[in-house]
Structures are given as C-alpha cells and as structure tokens.
Amino acid sequence: MNKKNLALAIVMGLTFAKGVFAADPETEKEDFDINSITYIQEEDEIELGFDVADYLPEGFDPYAFYFNLDSVEFIEEEWSLDFDTAQYLPEGFDAYADPVGIEGINYIDENDAIELDLTTENYLPEGFNAYL
C-alpha cells in the first residue's frame, strides 16, 4: 500500500508542479503571425442548365477589350441661354461657392410641405414666434 501511496503522491506532486509553472510569465511565448493562416475559399459553381458557349460568338474572349474609349473624340461646344438667369436667382448668388458646413446646405423636398386644415394662431399666445 505504501508503494501505491508513494506513486500517487509523486504523480500528484508532478501534476501540481506542472500547473504552477504553466502560468509562469517568464516562459517563452510563440508570436502569432496572422499572415501565416491559409484561407481556403470555396468557389461556388453556378449551374445554369445549358451551355453558355452555344450563345456566344465564335472566338469570344470576356477579358478582351472590344471598344477603345480613347478612340472617341469629344467635342466641347460653347452654348448660352437666350435669357438672363440673374433675375431668377437670389442677390449675391454664387454657384461656385462652397457651403461653409452642413448647415449651409438647404434641401427642399416637395413632399415635405405640410398644410394644416386649421388656423394655429387661434391656439397660440399673442406674439408667439416659433423661430425665436
């Protein structure tokens, strides 16, 4: 019985010692490099139920450029309106001025117009100004 108790005490002592040294901050830690992970991307194949090559022209290459945008010649024309727009714009209007902040942008939506079927002045105190 003493041999079993001695063996059990040695095993328990080694297990305890290993547990104590497992939390030792002096042990070397392996640096983890996220680029070392290999990512396997599963490619989904779409089955259309027919061969698309039958409907494409002969020699069709989806990666070839069939139209060169540099071959298009753009014509810049100067044009003008037949009337003066200044009479329809507010005083000091500058179309090229940058707004100072988001508060400088006035967005008016036609759907936001609310018309009440009652006169609210009857229910407000005299001299009431909602914009003060």
Protein backbone atom coordinates (compact mmCIF):
# COMPACT_ATOMS: atom_id res chain seq x y z
CA MET A 1 0.00 0.00 0.00
CA ASN A 2 2.93 2.34 0.67
CA LYS A 3 4.17 1.96 -2.90
CA LYS A 4 0.78 2.97 -4.26
CA ASN A 5 0.58 5.97 -1.93
CA LEU A 6 4.14 6.97 -2.83
CA ALA A 7 3.44 6.67 -6.56
CA LEU A 8 0.21 8.61 -6.18
CA ALA A 9 1.99 11.33 -4.18
CA ILE A 10 4.72 11.63 -6.86
CA VAL A 11 2.15 11.87 -9.68
CA MET A 12 0.12 14.45 -7.74
CA GLY A 13 3.29 16.42 -6.94
CA LEU A 14 4.39 16.47 -10.59
CA THR A 15 0.91 17.49 -11.73
CA PHE A 16 0.83 20.28 -9.14
CA ALA A 17 4.33 21.48 -10.13
CA LYS A 18 3.39 21.49 -13.80
CA GLY A 19 0.27 23.53 -13.02
CA VAL A 20 2.29 26.05 -11.03
CA PHE A 21 4.84 26.56 -13.80
CA ALA A 22 2.18 26.69 -16.53
CA ALA A 23 1.24 30.26 -15.55
CA ASP A 24 4.86 31.40 -15.39
CA PRO A 25 5.20 34.71 -17.32
CA GLU A 26 8.90 34.04 -17.90
CA THR A 27 8.19 31.20 -20.32
CA GLU A 28 8.64 31.96 -23.97
CA LYS A 29 5.51 32.67 -25.90
CA GLU A 30 5.22 31.98 -29.57
CA ASP A 31 4.48 35.09 -31.68
CA PHE A 32 1.41 34.70 -33.82
CA ASP A 33 1.56 35.92 -37.41
CA ILE A 34 -1.89 36.37 -38.94
CA ASN A 35 -0.41 36.14 -42.45
CA SER A 36 0.59 32.55 -41.74
CA ILE A 37 -3.07 31.46 -41.84
CA THR A 38 -4.01 29.88 -45.14
CA TYR A 39 -7.52 30.79 -46.19
CA ILE A 40 -9.31 28.31 -48.37
CA GLN A 41 -12.01 29.97 -50.40
CA GLU A 42 -14.70 27.71 -51.66
CA GLU A 43 -15.61 28.52 -55.24
CA ASP A 44 -19.31 28.25 -55.91
CA GLU A 45 -20.19 26.87 -59.28
CA ILE A 46 -23.43 28.08 -60.76
CA GLU A 47 -25.21 25.53 -62.90
CA LEU A 48 -27.42 27.27 -65.47
CA GLY A 49 -28.73 24.11 -67.05
CA PHE A 50 -27.36 24.92 -70.50
CA ASP A 51 -24.03 25.62 -72.16
CA VAL A 52 -23.49 29.37 -72.47
CA ALA A 53 -20.80 28.89 -75.14
CA ASP A 54 -23.56 27.99 -77.62
CA TYR A 55 -24.96 31.53 -77.32
CA LEU A 56 -21.69 33.48 -77.59
CA PRO A 57 -19.98 34.50 -80.84
CA GLU A 58 -17.07 32.42 -82.10
CA GLY A 59 -13.75 33.49 -80.62
CA PHE A 60 -15.43 35.44 -77.82
CA ASP A 61 -12.99 36.46 -75.09
CA PRO A 62 -14.58 38.01 -71.99
CA TYR A 63 -11.27 39.58 -70.96
CA ALA A 64 -10.57 41.33 -74.29
CA PHE A 65 -11.42 44.98 -74.85
CA TYR A 66 -13.69 45.29 -77.86
CA PHE A 67 -14.03 49.06 -77.68
CA ASN A 68 -11.30 51.60 -77.06
CA LEU A 69 -12.56 54.67 -75.20
CA ASP A 70 -9.53 56.65 -76.34
CA SER A 71 -10.85 56.48 -79.91
CA VAL A 72 -13.87 58.64 -79.00
CA GLU A 73 -13.45 62.29 -79.88
CA PHE A 74 -15.26 64.67 -77.60
CA ILE A 75 -16.48 67.98 -78.97
CA GLU A 76 -16.69 70.78 -76.46
CA GLU A 77 -19.26 73.33 -77.53
CA GLU A 78 -19.84 76.70 -76.01
CA TRP A 79 -23.52 77.36 -75.57
CA SER A 80 -25.55 80.01 -73.89
CA LEU A 81 -29.10 80.58 -72.79
CA ASP A 82 -31.35 83.05 -74.56
CA PHE A 83 -32.30 84.84 -71.34
CA ASP A 84 -30.62 86.33 -68.28
CA THR A 85 -30.76 83.93 -65.32
CA ALA A 86 -29.74 86.60 -62.76
CA GLN A 87 -33.33 87.79 -62.40
CA TYR A 88 -34.39 84.32 -61.21
CA LEU A 89 -31.60 83.92 -58.63
CA PRO A 90 -31.26 85.49 -55.17
CA GLU A 91 -29.00 88.50 -54.66
CA GLY A 92 -25.33 87.62 -54.25
CA PHE A 93 -25.87 84.07 -55.53
CA ASP A 94 -22.60 82.29 -56.36
CA ALA A 95 -22.99 78.88 -57.98
CA TYR A 96 -19.34 78.04 -57.32
CA ALA A 97 -19.29 78.93 -53.61
CA ASP A 98 -18.64 76.07 -51.23
CA PRO A 99 -21.06 75.72 -48.34
CA VAL A 100 -19.42 76.51 -45.01
CA GLY A 101 -20.86 73.46 -43.27
CA ILE A 102 -23.71 71.02 -43.40
CA GLU A 103 -25.93 73.81 -42.09
CA GLY A 104 -25.24 75.77 -45.28
CA ILE A 105 -27.00 73.21 -47.45
CA ASN A 106 -30.72 73.83 -47.84
CA TYR A 107 -32.54 70.82 -49.17
CA ILE A 108 -36.19 71.43 -50.03
CA ASP A 109 -38.31 68.41 -50.70
CA GLU A 110 -41.71 68.95 -52.30
CA ASN A 111 -43.15 66.08 -50.29
CA ASP A 112 -42.22 67.76 -47.00
CA ALA A 113 -44.74 70.57 -47.41
CA ILE A 114 -47.36 70.20 -44.67
CA GLU A 115 -50.63 72.03 -44.94
CA LEU A 116 -52.86 72.07 -41.90
CA ASP A 117 -56.60 72.42 -42.27
CA LEU A 118 -56.82 74.66 -39.22
CA THR A 119 -55.56 78.04 -38.18
CA THR A 120 -52.99 77.55 -35.42
CA GLU A 121 -52.94 81.24 -34.45
CA ASN A 122 -56.18 80.73 -32.55
CA TYR A 123 -54.44 78.28 -30.21
CA LEU A 124 -51.13 80.13 -29.67
CA PRO A 125 -50.38 83.06 -27.31
CA GLU A 126 -50.22 86.59 -28.74
CA GLY A 127 -46.87 87.49 -30.26
CA PHE A 128 -45.75 83.83 -30.44
CA ASN A 129 -42.79 83.27 -32.76
CA ALA A 130 -41.68 79.68 -33.30
CA TYR A 131 -38.32 80.76 -34.78
CA LEU A 132 -37.05 82.61 -31.70
